[in-house]
Amino acid sequence: MTDKNRIDVGVLKLLFDAITGSTQLETMSGRLTQLLVGALGIKGATIFMVNPEFESLEVLATSGLSMDYVRKGPVLVDKSLKLASNREPVVISDVSKSDRLQYPENAKAEGIQAIVSLPVTLHGVIIGALRLYDKAAWEVSEHDLEYLQVLAQNLGITMMYFRLATSLLAVKDNVDAIHSVWLRPTY
């Protein structure tokens, strides 16, 4: 790993272990954000899910950021980092030199100097975002950006898996409840 690269295969494996080793979406997300902060030596990390009704990003898990910053206001999909589509990774190496933030004053007050935002997609549809925040200017290497994109893609698959698993368990519980009523002996 060079000075510019923060992610190597060992770090990536650790992050994937967090993704595949959890049985609950919230547990996995919380563990992943904590590992990202520790392994990359960054200020904070947040995983968002898209709320299609309000076209906003809602916090699924976060680590390293103050509650004031996390609750600063709605993170709107079309205004967040001022991109029309948010389909590509966005690297803001120095927030003081950027006009692309939705809440620049909050970032400054939080001590955030750099933001890396990656879309979390599934079948071309944005279902969330992974954001990394650093307290120093961060020139993200192409190597690290590629690893982060792979992580975000796998995060999308994992988020969909948890949604499907939760839905299937709900159906199973309903079928079990119906069967218990039907199979009840009548005397």
C-alpha atoms as a PDB file:
ATOM      1  CA  MET A   1       0.000   0.000   0.000  1.00  0.00           C
ATOM      2  CA  THR A   2       1.509   3.319  -1.018  1.00  0.00           C
ATOM      3  CA  ASP A   3       1.245   6.536   0.980  1.00  0.00           C
ATOM      4  CA  LYS A   4      -1.653   7.638  -1.225  1.00  0.00           C
ATOM      5  CA  ASN A   5      -3.548   4.346  -0.980  1.00  0.00           C
ATOM      6  CA  ARG A   6      -5.500   3.687   2.200  1.00  0.00           C
ATOM      7  CA  ILE A   7      -7.141   0.435   1.118  1.00  0.00           C
ATOM      8  CA  ASP A   8      -5.429  -2.856   0.443  1.00  0.00           C
ATOM      9  CA  VAL A   9      -6.819  -6.363   0.048  1.00  0.00           C
ATOM     10  CA  GLY A  10      -6.642  -6.951   3.813  1.00  0.00           C
ATOM     11  CA  VAL A  11      -8.783  -3.889   4.524  1.00  0.00           C
ATOM     12  CA  LEU A  12     -11.219  -4.849   1.767  1.00  0.00           C
ATOM     13  CA  LYS A  13     -11.513  -8.361   3.207  1.00  0.00           C
ATOM     14  CA  LEU A  14     -12.214  -6.927   6.667  1.00  0.00           C
ATOM     15  CA  LEU A  15     -14.978  -4.729   5.203  1.00  0.00           C
ATOM     16  CA  PHE A  16     -16.514  -7.639   3.266  1.00  0.00           C
ATOM     17  CA  ASP A  17     -16.429  -9.786   6.403  1.00  0.00           C
ATOM     18  CA  ALA A  18     -18.562  -7.130   8.099  1.00  0.00           C
ATOM     19  CA  ILE A  19     -21.021  -7.230   5.209  1.00  0.00           C
ATOM     20  CA  THR A  20     -21.305 -11.009   4.982  1.00  0.00           C
ATOM     21  CA  GLY A  21     -21.051 -11.750   8.699  1.00  0.00           C
ATOM     22  CA  SER A  22     -24.239 -10.011   9.793  1.00  0.00           C
ATOM     23  CA  THR A  23     -27.823 -11.190   9.951  1.00  0.00           C
ATOM     24  CA  GLN A  24     -29.418  -7.746  10.354  1.00  0.00           C
ATOM     25  CA  LEU A  25     -29.128  -4.738   8.030  1.00  0.00           C
ATOM     26  CA  GLU A  26     -28.705  -2.260  10.886  1.00  0.00           C
ATOM     27  CA  THR A  27     -25.999  -4.374  12.540  1.00  0.00           C
ATOM     28  CA  MET A  28     -24.101  -4.776   9.281  1.00  0.00           C
ATOM     29  CA  SER A  29     -24.345  -1.066   8.457  1.00  0.00           C
ATOM     30  CA  GLY A  30     -23.216   0.026  11.906  1.00  0.00           C
ATOM     31  CA  ARG A  31     -20.287  -2.368  11.891  1.00  0.00           C
ATOM     32  CA  LEU A  32     -19.278  -1.324   8.366  1.00  0.00           C
ATOM     33  CA  THR A  33     -19.284   2.417   9.141  1.00  0.00           C
ATOM     34  CA  GLN A  34     -17.178   1.830  12.276  1.00  0.00           C
ATOM     35  CA  LEU A  35     -14.685  -0.286  10.337  1.00  0.00           C
ATOM     36  CA  LEU A  36     -14.426   2.291   7.556  1.00  0.00           C
ATOM     37  CA  VAL A  37     -13.593   5.024  10.065  1.00  0.00           C
ATOM     38  CA  GLY A  38     -11.008   2.912  11.860  1.00  0.00           C
ATOM     39  CA  ALA A  39      -9.412   1.177   8.876  1.00  0.00           C
ATOM     40  CA  LEU A  40      -9.153   4.304   6.711  1.00  0.00           C
ATOM     41  CA  GLY A  41      -8.302   6.705   9.536  1.00  0.00           C
ATOM     42  CA  ILE A  42     -11.107   9.076   8.534  1.00  0.00           C
ATOM     43  CA  LYS A  43     -13.405  11.294  10.559  1.00  0.00           C
ATOM     44  CA  GLY A  44     -16.696   9.584   9.740  1.00  0.00           C
ATOM     45  CA  ALA A  45     -18.759   7.364   7.483  1.00  0.00           C
ATOM     46  CA  THR A  46     -22.471   7.180   6.739  1.00  0.00           C
ATOM     47  CA  ILE A  47     -24.637   4.729   4.850  1.00  0.00           C
ATOM     48  CA  PHE A  48     -27.833   6.216   3.452  1.00  0.00           C
ATOM     49  CA  MET A  49     -30.944   4.595   1.991  1.00  0.00           C
ATOM     50  CA  VAL A  50     -33.057   6.401  -0.603  1.00  0.00           C
ATOM     51  CA  ASN A  51     -36.562   7.362   0.466  1.00  0.00           C
ATOM     52  CA  PRO A  52     -38.265   7.513  -2.947  1.00  0.00           C
ATOM     53  CA  GLU A  53     -41.354   9.260  -1.561  1.00  0.00           C
ATOM     54  CA  PHE A  54     -39.385  12.323  -0.459  1.00  0.00           C
ATOM     55  CA  GLU A  55     -36.442  11.896  -2.864  1.00  0.00           C
ATOM     56  CA  SER A  56     -34.111  12.096   0.088  1.00  0.00           C
ATOM     57  CA  LEU A  57     -31.311  10.079   1.631  1.00  0.00           C
ATOM     58  CA  GLU A  58     -32.083   8.708   5.086  1.00  0.00           C
ATOM     59  CA  VAL A  59     -29.335   7.643   7.460  1.00  0.00           C
ATOM     60  CA  LEU A  60     -29.148   3.896   7.909  1.00  0.00           C
ATOM     61  CA  ALA A  61     -25.930   3.975   9.964  1.00  0.00           C
ATOM     62  CA  THR A  62     -23.217   6.466  10.800  1.00  0.00           C
ATOM     63  CA  SER A  63     -20.008   6.565  12.768  1.00  0.00           C
ATOM     64  CA  GLY A  64     -17.674   9.376  13.807  1.00  0.00           C
ATOM     65  CA  LEU A  65     -20.053  12.286  13.167  1.00  0.00           C
ATOM     66  CA  SER A  66     -21.921  14.392  15.712  1.00  0.00           C
ATOM     67  CA  MET A  67     -25.684  14.108  16.016  1.00  0.00           C
ATOM     68  CA  ASP A  68     -25.901  17.825  15.162  1.00  0.00           C
ATOM     69  CA  TYR A  69     -24.280  17.119  11.815  1.00  0.00           C
ATOM     70  CA  VAL A  70     -26.281  13.963  11.151  1.00  0.00           C
ATOM     71  CA  ARG A  71     -29.552  15.818  11.915  1.00  0.00           C
ATOM     72  CA  LYS A  72     -28.653  19.006  10.013  1.00  0.00           C
ATOM     73  CA  GLY A  73     -31.642  18.680   7.680  1.00  0.00           C
ATOM     74  CA  PRO A  74     -32.938  16.522   4.859  1.00  0.00           C
ATOM     75  CA  VAL A  75     -30.298  15.266   2.458  1.00  0.00           C
ATOM     76  CA  LEU A  76     -32.076  15.675  -0.874  1.00  0.00           C
ATOM     77  CA  VAL A  77     -31.025  13.381  -3.704  1.00  0.00           C
ATOM     78  CA  ASP A  78     -31.050  16.122  -6.359  1.00  0.00           C
ATOM     79  CA  LYS A  79     -29.327  18.752  -4.183  1.00  0.00           C
ATOM     80  CA  SER A  80     -26.928  16.664  -2.180  1.00  0.00           C
ATOM     81  CA  LEU A  81     -23.486  17.427  -3.562  1.00  0.00           C
ATOM     82  CA  LYS A  82     -25.350  19.322  -6.307  1.00  0.00           C
ATOM     83  CA  LEU A  83     -25.353  16.597  -8.904  1.00  0.00           C
ATOM     84  CA  ALA A  84     -28.275  15.933 -11.191  1.00  0.00           C
ATOM     85  CA  SER A  85     -27.943  12.170 -11.176  1.00  0.00           C
ATOM     86  CA  ASN A  86     -25.566  11.170  -8.343  1.00  0.00           C
ATOM     87  CA  ARG A  87     -24.770   8.061 -10.396  1.00  0.00           C
ATOM     88  CA  GLU A  88     -21.004   8.521 -10.272  1.00  0.00           C
ATOM     89  CA  PRO A  89     -18.659   8.754  -7.304  1.00  0.00           C
ATOM     90  CA  VAL A  90     -18.034  12.299  -6.142  1.00  0.00           C
ATOM     91  CA  VAL A  91     -14.762  13.245  -4.518  1.00  0.00           C
ATOM     92  CA  ILE A  92     -14.511  16.635  -2.893  1.00  0.00           C
ATOM     93  CA  SER A  93     -10.897  16.755  -1.783  1.00  0.00           C
ATOM     94  CA  ASP A  94     -11.259  20.133  -0.068  1.00  0.00           C
ATOM     95  CA  VAL A  95     -14.763  21.304   0.881  1.00  0.00           C
ATOM     96  CA  SER A  96     -13.544  24.874   1.426  1.00  0.00           C
ATOM     97  CA  LYS A  97     -12.887  25.109  -2.311  1.00  0.00           C
ATOM     98  CA  SER A  98     -16.173  23.553  -3.440  1.00  0.00           C
ATOM     99  CA  ASP A  99     -19.625  24.999  -4.078  1.00  0.00           C
ATOM    100  CA  ARG A 100     -21.203  21.547  -4.463  1.00  0.00           C
ATOM    101  CA  LEU A 101     -22.315  20.915  -0.875  1.00  0.00           C
ATOM    102  CA  GLN A 102     -25.920  21.155   0.264  1.00  0.00           C
ATOM    103  CA  TYR A 103     -24.862  22.162   3.808  1.00  0.00           C
ATOM    104  CA  PRO A 104     -21.382  23.757   3.537  1.00  0.00           C
ATOM    105  CA  GLU A 105     -21.558  25.620   6.852  1.00  0.00           C
ATOM    106  CA  ASN A 106     -22.475  22.445   8.725  1.00  0.00           C
ATOM    107  CA  ALA A 107     -19.537  20.610   7.144  1.00  0.00           C
ATOM    108  CA  LYS A 108     -17.202  23.421   8.195  1.00  0.00           C
ATOM    109  CA  ALA A 109     -18.567  23.435  11.766  1.00  0.00           C
ATOM    110  CA  GLU A 110     -18.166  19.642  11.936  1.00  0.00           C
ATOM    111  CA  GLY A 111     -14.517  19.932  10.886  1.00  0.00           C
ATOM    112  CA  ILE A 112     -15.034  18.081   7.622  1.00  0.00           C
ATOM    113  CA  GLN A 113     -12.424  18.902   5.019  1.00  0.00           C
ATOM    114  CA  ALA A 114     -13.060  16.158   2.430  1.00  0.00           C
ATOM    115  CA  ILE A 115     -16.072  14.085   1.332  1.00  0.00           C
ATOM    116  CA  VAL A 116     -16.219  10.991  -0.842  1.00  0.00           C
ATOM    117  CA  SER A 117     -19.719  10.007  -1.926  1.00  0.00           C
ATOM    118  CA  LEU A 118     -20.473   6.765  -3.725  1.00  0.00           C
ATOM    119  CA  PRO A 119     -23.856   5.750  -5.079  1.00  0.00           C
ATOM    120  CA  VAL A 120     -25.224   2.437  -3.861  1.00  0.00           C
ATOM    121  CA  THR A 121     -27.078   0.967  -6.815  1.00  0.00           C
ATOM    122  CA  LEU A 122     -28.843  -2.199  -7.805  1.00  0.00           C
ATOM    123  CA  HIS A 123     -29.708  -2.933 -11.441  1.00  0.00           C
ATOM    124  CA  GLY A 124     -28.964   0.688 -12.332  1.00  0.00           C
ATOM    125  CA  VAL A 125     -31.301   2.113  -9.685  1.00  0.00           C
ATOM    126  CA  ILE A 126     -29.859   4.193  -6.859  1.00  0.00           C
ATOM    127  CA  ILE A 127     -30.983   2.713  -3.547  1.00  0.00           C
ATOM    128  CA  GLY A 128     -28.555   4.512  -1.261  1.00  0.00           C
ATOM    129  CA  ALA A 129     -25.209   6.191  -0.812  1.00  0.00           C
ATOM    130  CA  LEU A 130     -21.974   5.570   1.028  1.00  0.00           C
ATOM    131  CA  ARG A 131     -20.263   8.715   2.264  1.00  0.00           C
ATOM    132  CA  LEU A 132     -16.843   9.066   3.805  1.00  0.00           C
ATOM    133  CA  TYR A 133     -15.763  12.231   5.609  1.00  0.00           C
ATOM    134  CA  ASP A 134     -12.228  13.280   6.503  1.00  0.00           C
ATOM    135  CA  LYS A 135     -10.888  16.050   8.704  1.00  0.00           C
ATOM    136  CA  ALA A 136      -8.024  16.734   6.268  1.00  0.00           C
ATOM    137  CA  ALA A 137      -7.907  17.358   2.532  1.00  0.00           C
ATOM    138  CA  TRP A 138      -7.946  13.941   0.837  1.00  0.00           C
ATOM    139  CA  GLU A 139      -6.699  13.242  -2.656  1.00  0.00           C
ATOM    140  CA  VAL A 140      -8.332   9.844  -3.102  1.00  0.00           C
ATOM    141  CA  SER A 141      -6.195   7.555  -5.231  1.00  0.00           C
ATOM    142  CA  GLU A 142      -7.715   5.829  -8.253  1.00  0.00           C
ATOM    143  CA  HIS A 143      -6.855   2.542  -6.523  1.00  0.00           C
ATOM    144  CA  ASP A 144      -8.889   3.434  -3.411  1.00  0.00           C
ATOM    145  CA  LEU A 145     -11.764   4.818  -5.466  1.00  0.00           C
ATOM    146  CA  GLU A 146     -12.023   1.541  -7.395  1.00  0.00           C
ATOM    147  CA  TYR A 147     -12.064  -0.467  -4.158  1.00  0.00           C
ATOM    148  CA  LEU A 148     -14.699   1.849  -2.699  1.00  0.00           C
ATOM    149  CA  GLN A 149     -16.861   1.427  -5.809  1.00  0.00           C
ATOM    150  CA  VAL A 150     -16.649  -2.368  -5.472  1.00  0.00           C
ATOM    151  CA  LEU A 151     -17.621  -2.000  -1.809  1.00  0.00           C
ATOM    152  CA  ALA A 152     -20.615   0.212  -2.708  1.00  0.00           C
ATOM    153  CA  GLN A 153     -21.780  -2.282  -5.365  1.00  0.00           C
ATOM    154  CA  ASN A 154     -21.658  -5.113  -2.862  1.00  0.00           C
ATOM    155  CA  LEU A 155     -23.421  -2.953  -0.311  1.00  0.00           C
ATOM    156  CA  GLY A 156     -26.296  -2.524  -2.787  1.00  0.00           C
ATOM    157  CA  ILE A 157     -26.613  -6.278  -3.264  1.00  0.00           C
ATOM    158  CA  THR A 158     -26.490  -6.799   0.490  1.00  0.00           C
ATOM    159  CA  MET A 159     -29.122  -4.153   1.203  1.00  0.00           C
ATOM    160  CA  MET A 160     -31.468  -5.813  -1.301  1.00  0.00           C
ATOM    161  CA  TYR A 161     -30.760  -9.216   0.217  1.00  0.00           C
ATOM    162  CA  PHE A 162     -31.759  -7.957   3.673  1.00  0.00           C
ATOM    163  CA  ARG A 163     -34.956  -6.399   2.266  1.00  0.00           C
ATOM    164  CA  LEU A 164     -35.879  -9.675   0.555  1.00  0.00           C
ATOM    165  CA  ALA A 165     -35.029 -11.766   3.612  1.00  0.00           C
ATOM    166  CA  THR A 166     -37.162  -9.526   5.823  1.00  0.00           C
ATOM    167  CA  SER A 167     -40.069  -9.756   3.376  1.00  0.00           C
ATOM    168  CA  LEU A 168     -39.797 -13.544   3.157  1.00  0.00           C
ATOM    169  CA  LEU A 169     -39.749 -13.884   6.942  1.00  0.00           C
ATOM    170  CA  ALA A 170     -42.885 -11.731   7.165  1.00  0.00           C
ATOM    171  CA  VAL A 171     -44.639 -13.937   4.594  1.00  0.00           C
ATOM    172  CA  LYS A 172     -43.527 -17.069   6.455  1.00  0.00           C
ATOM    173  CA  ASP A 173     -44.860 -15.676   9.744  1.00  0.00           C
ATOM    174  CA  ASN A 174     -48.212 -14.889   8.102  1.00  0.00           C
ATOM    175  CA  VAL A 175     -48.457 -18.351   6.539  1.00  0.00           C
ATOM    176  CA  ASP A 176     -47.593 -19.947   9.894  1.00  0.00           C
ATOM    177  CA  ALA A 177     -50.275 -17.855  11.604  1.00  0.00           C
ATOM    178  CA  ILE A 178     -52.882 -18.840   9.019  1.00  0.00           C
ATOM    179  CA  HIS A 179     -51.949 -22.513   9.290  1.00  0.00           C
ATOM    180  CA  SER A 180     -52.212 -22.448  13.067  1.00  0.00           C
ATOM    181  CA  VAL A 181     -55.782 -21.135  12.776  1.00  0.00           C
ATOM    182  CA  TRP A 182     -56.761 -23.626  10.064  1.00  0.00           C
ATOM    183  CA  LEU A 183     -55.210 -26.561  11.822  1.00  0.00           C
ATOM    184  CA  ARG A 184     -56.817 -25.750  15.182  1.00  0.00           C
ATOM    185  CA  PRO A 185     -59.087 -28.619  16.136  1.00  0.00           C
ATOM    186  CA  THR A 186     -62.777 -27.796  16.346  1.00  0.00           C
ATOM    187  CA  TYR A 187     -64.742 -29.661  19.014  1.00  0.00           C
END
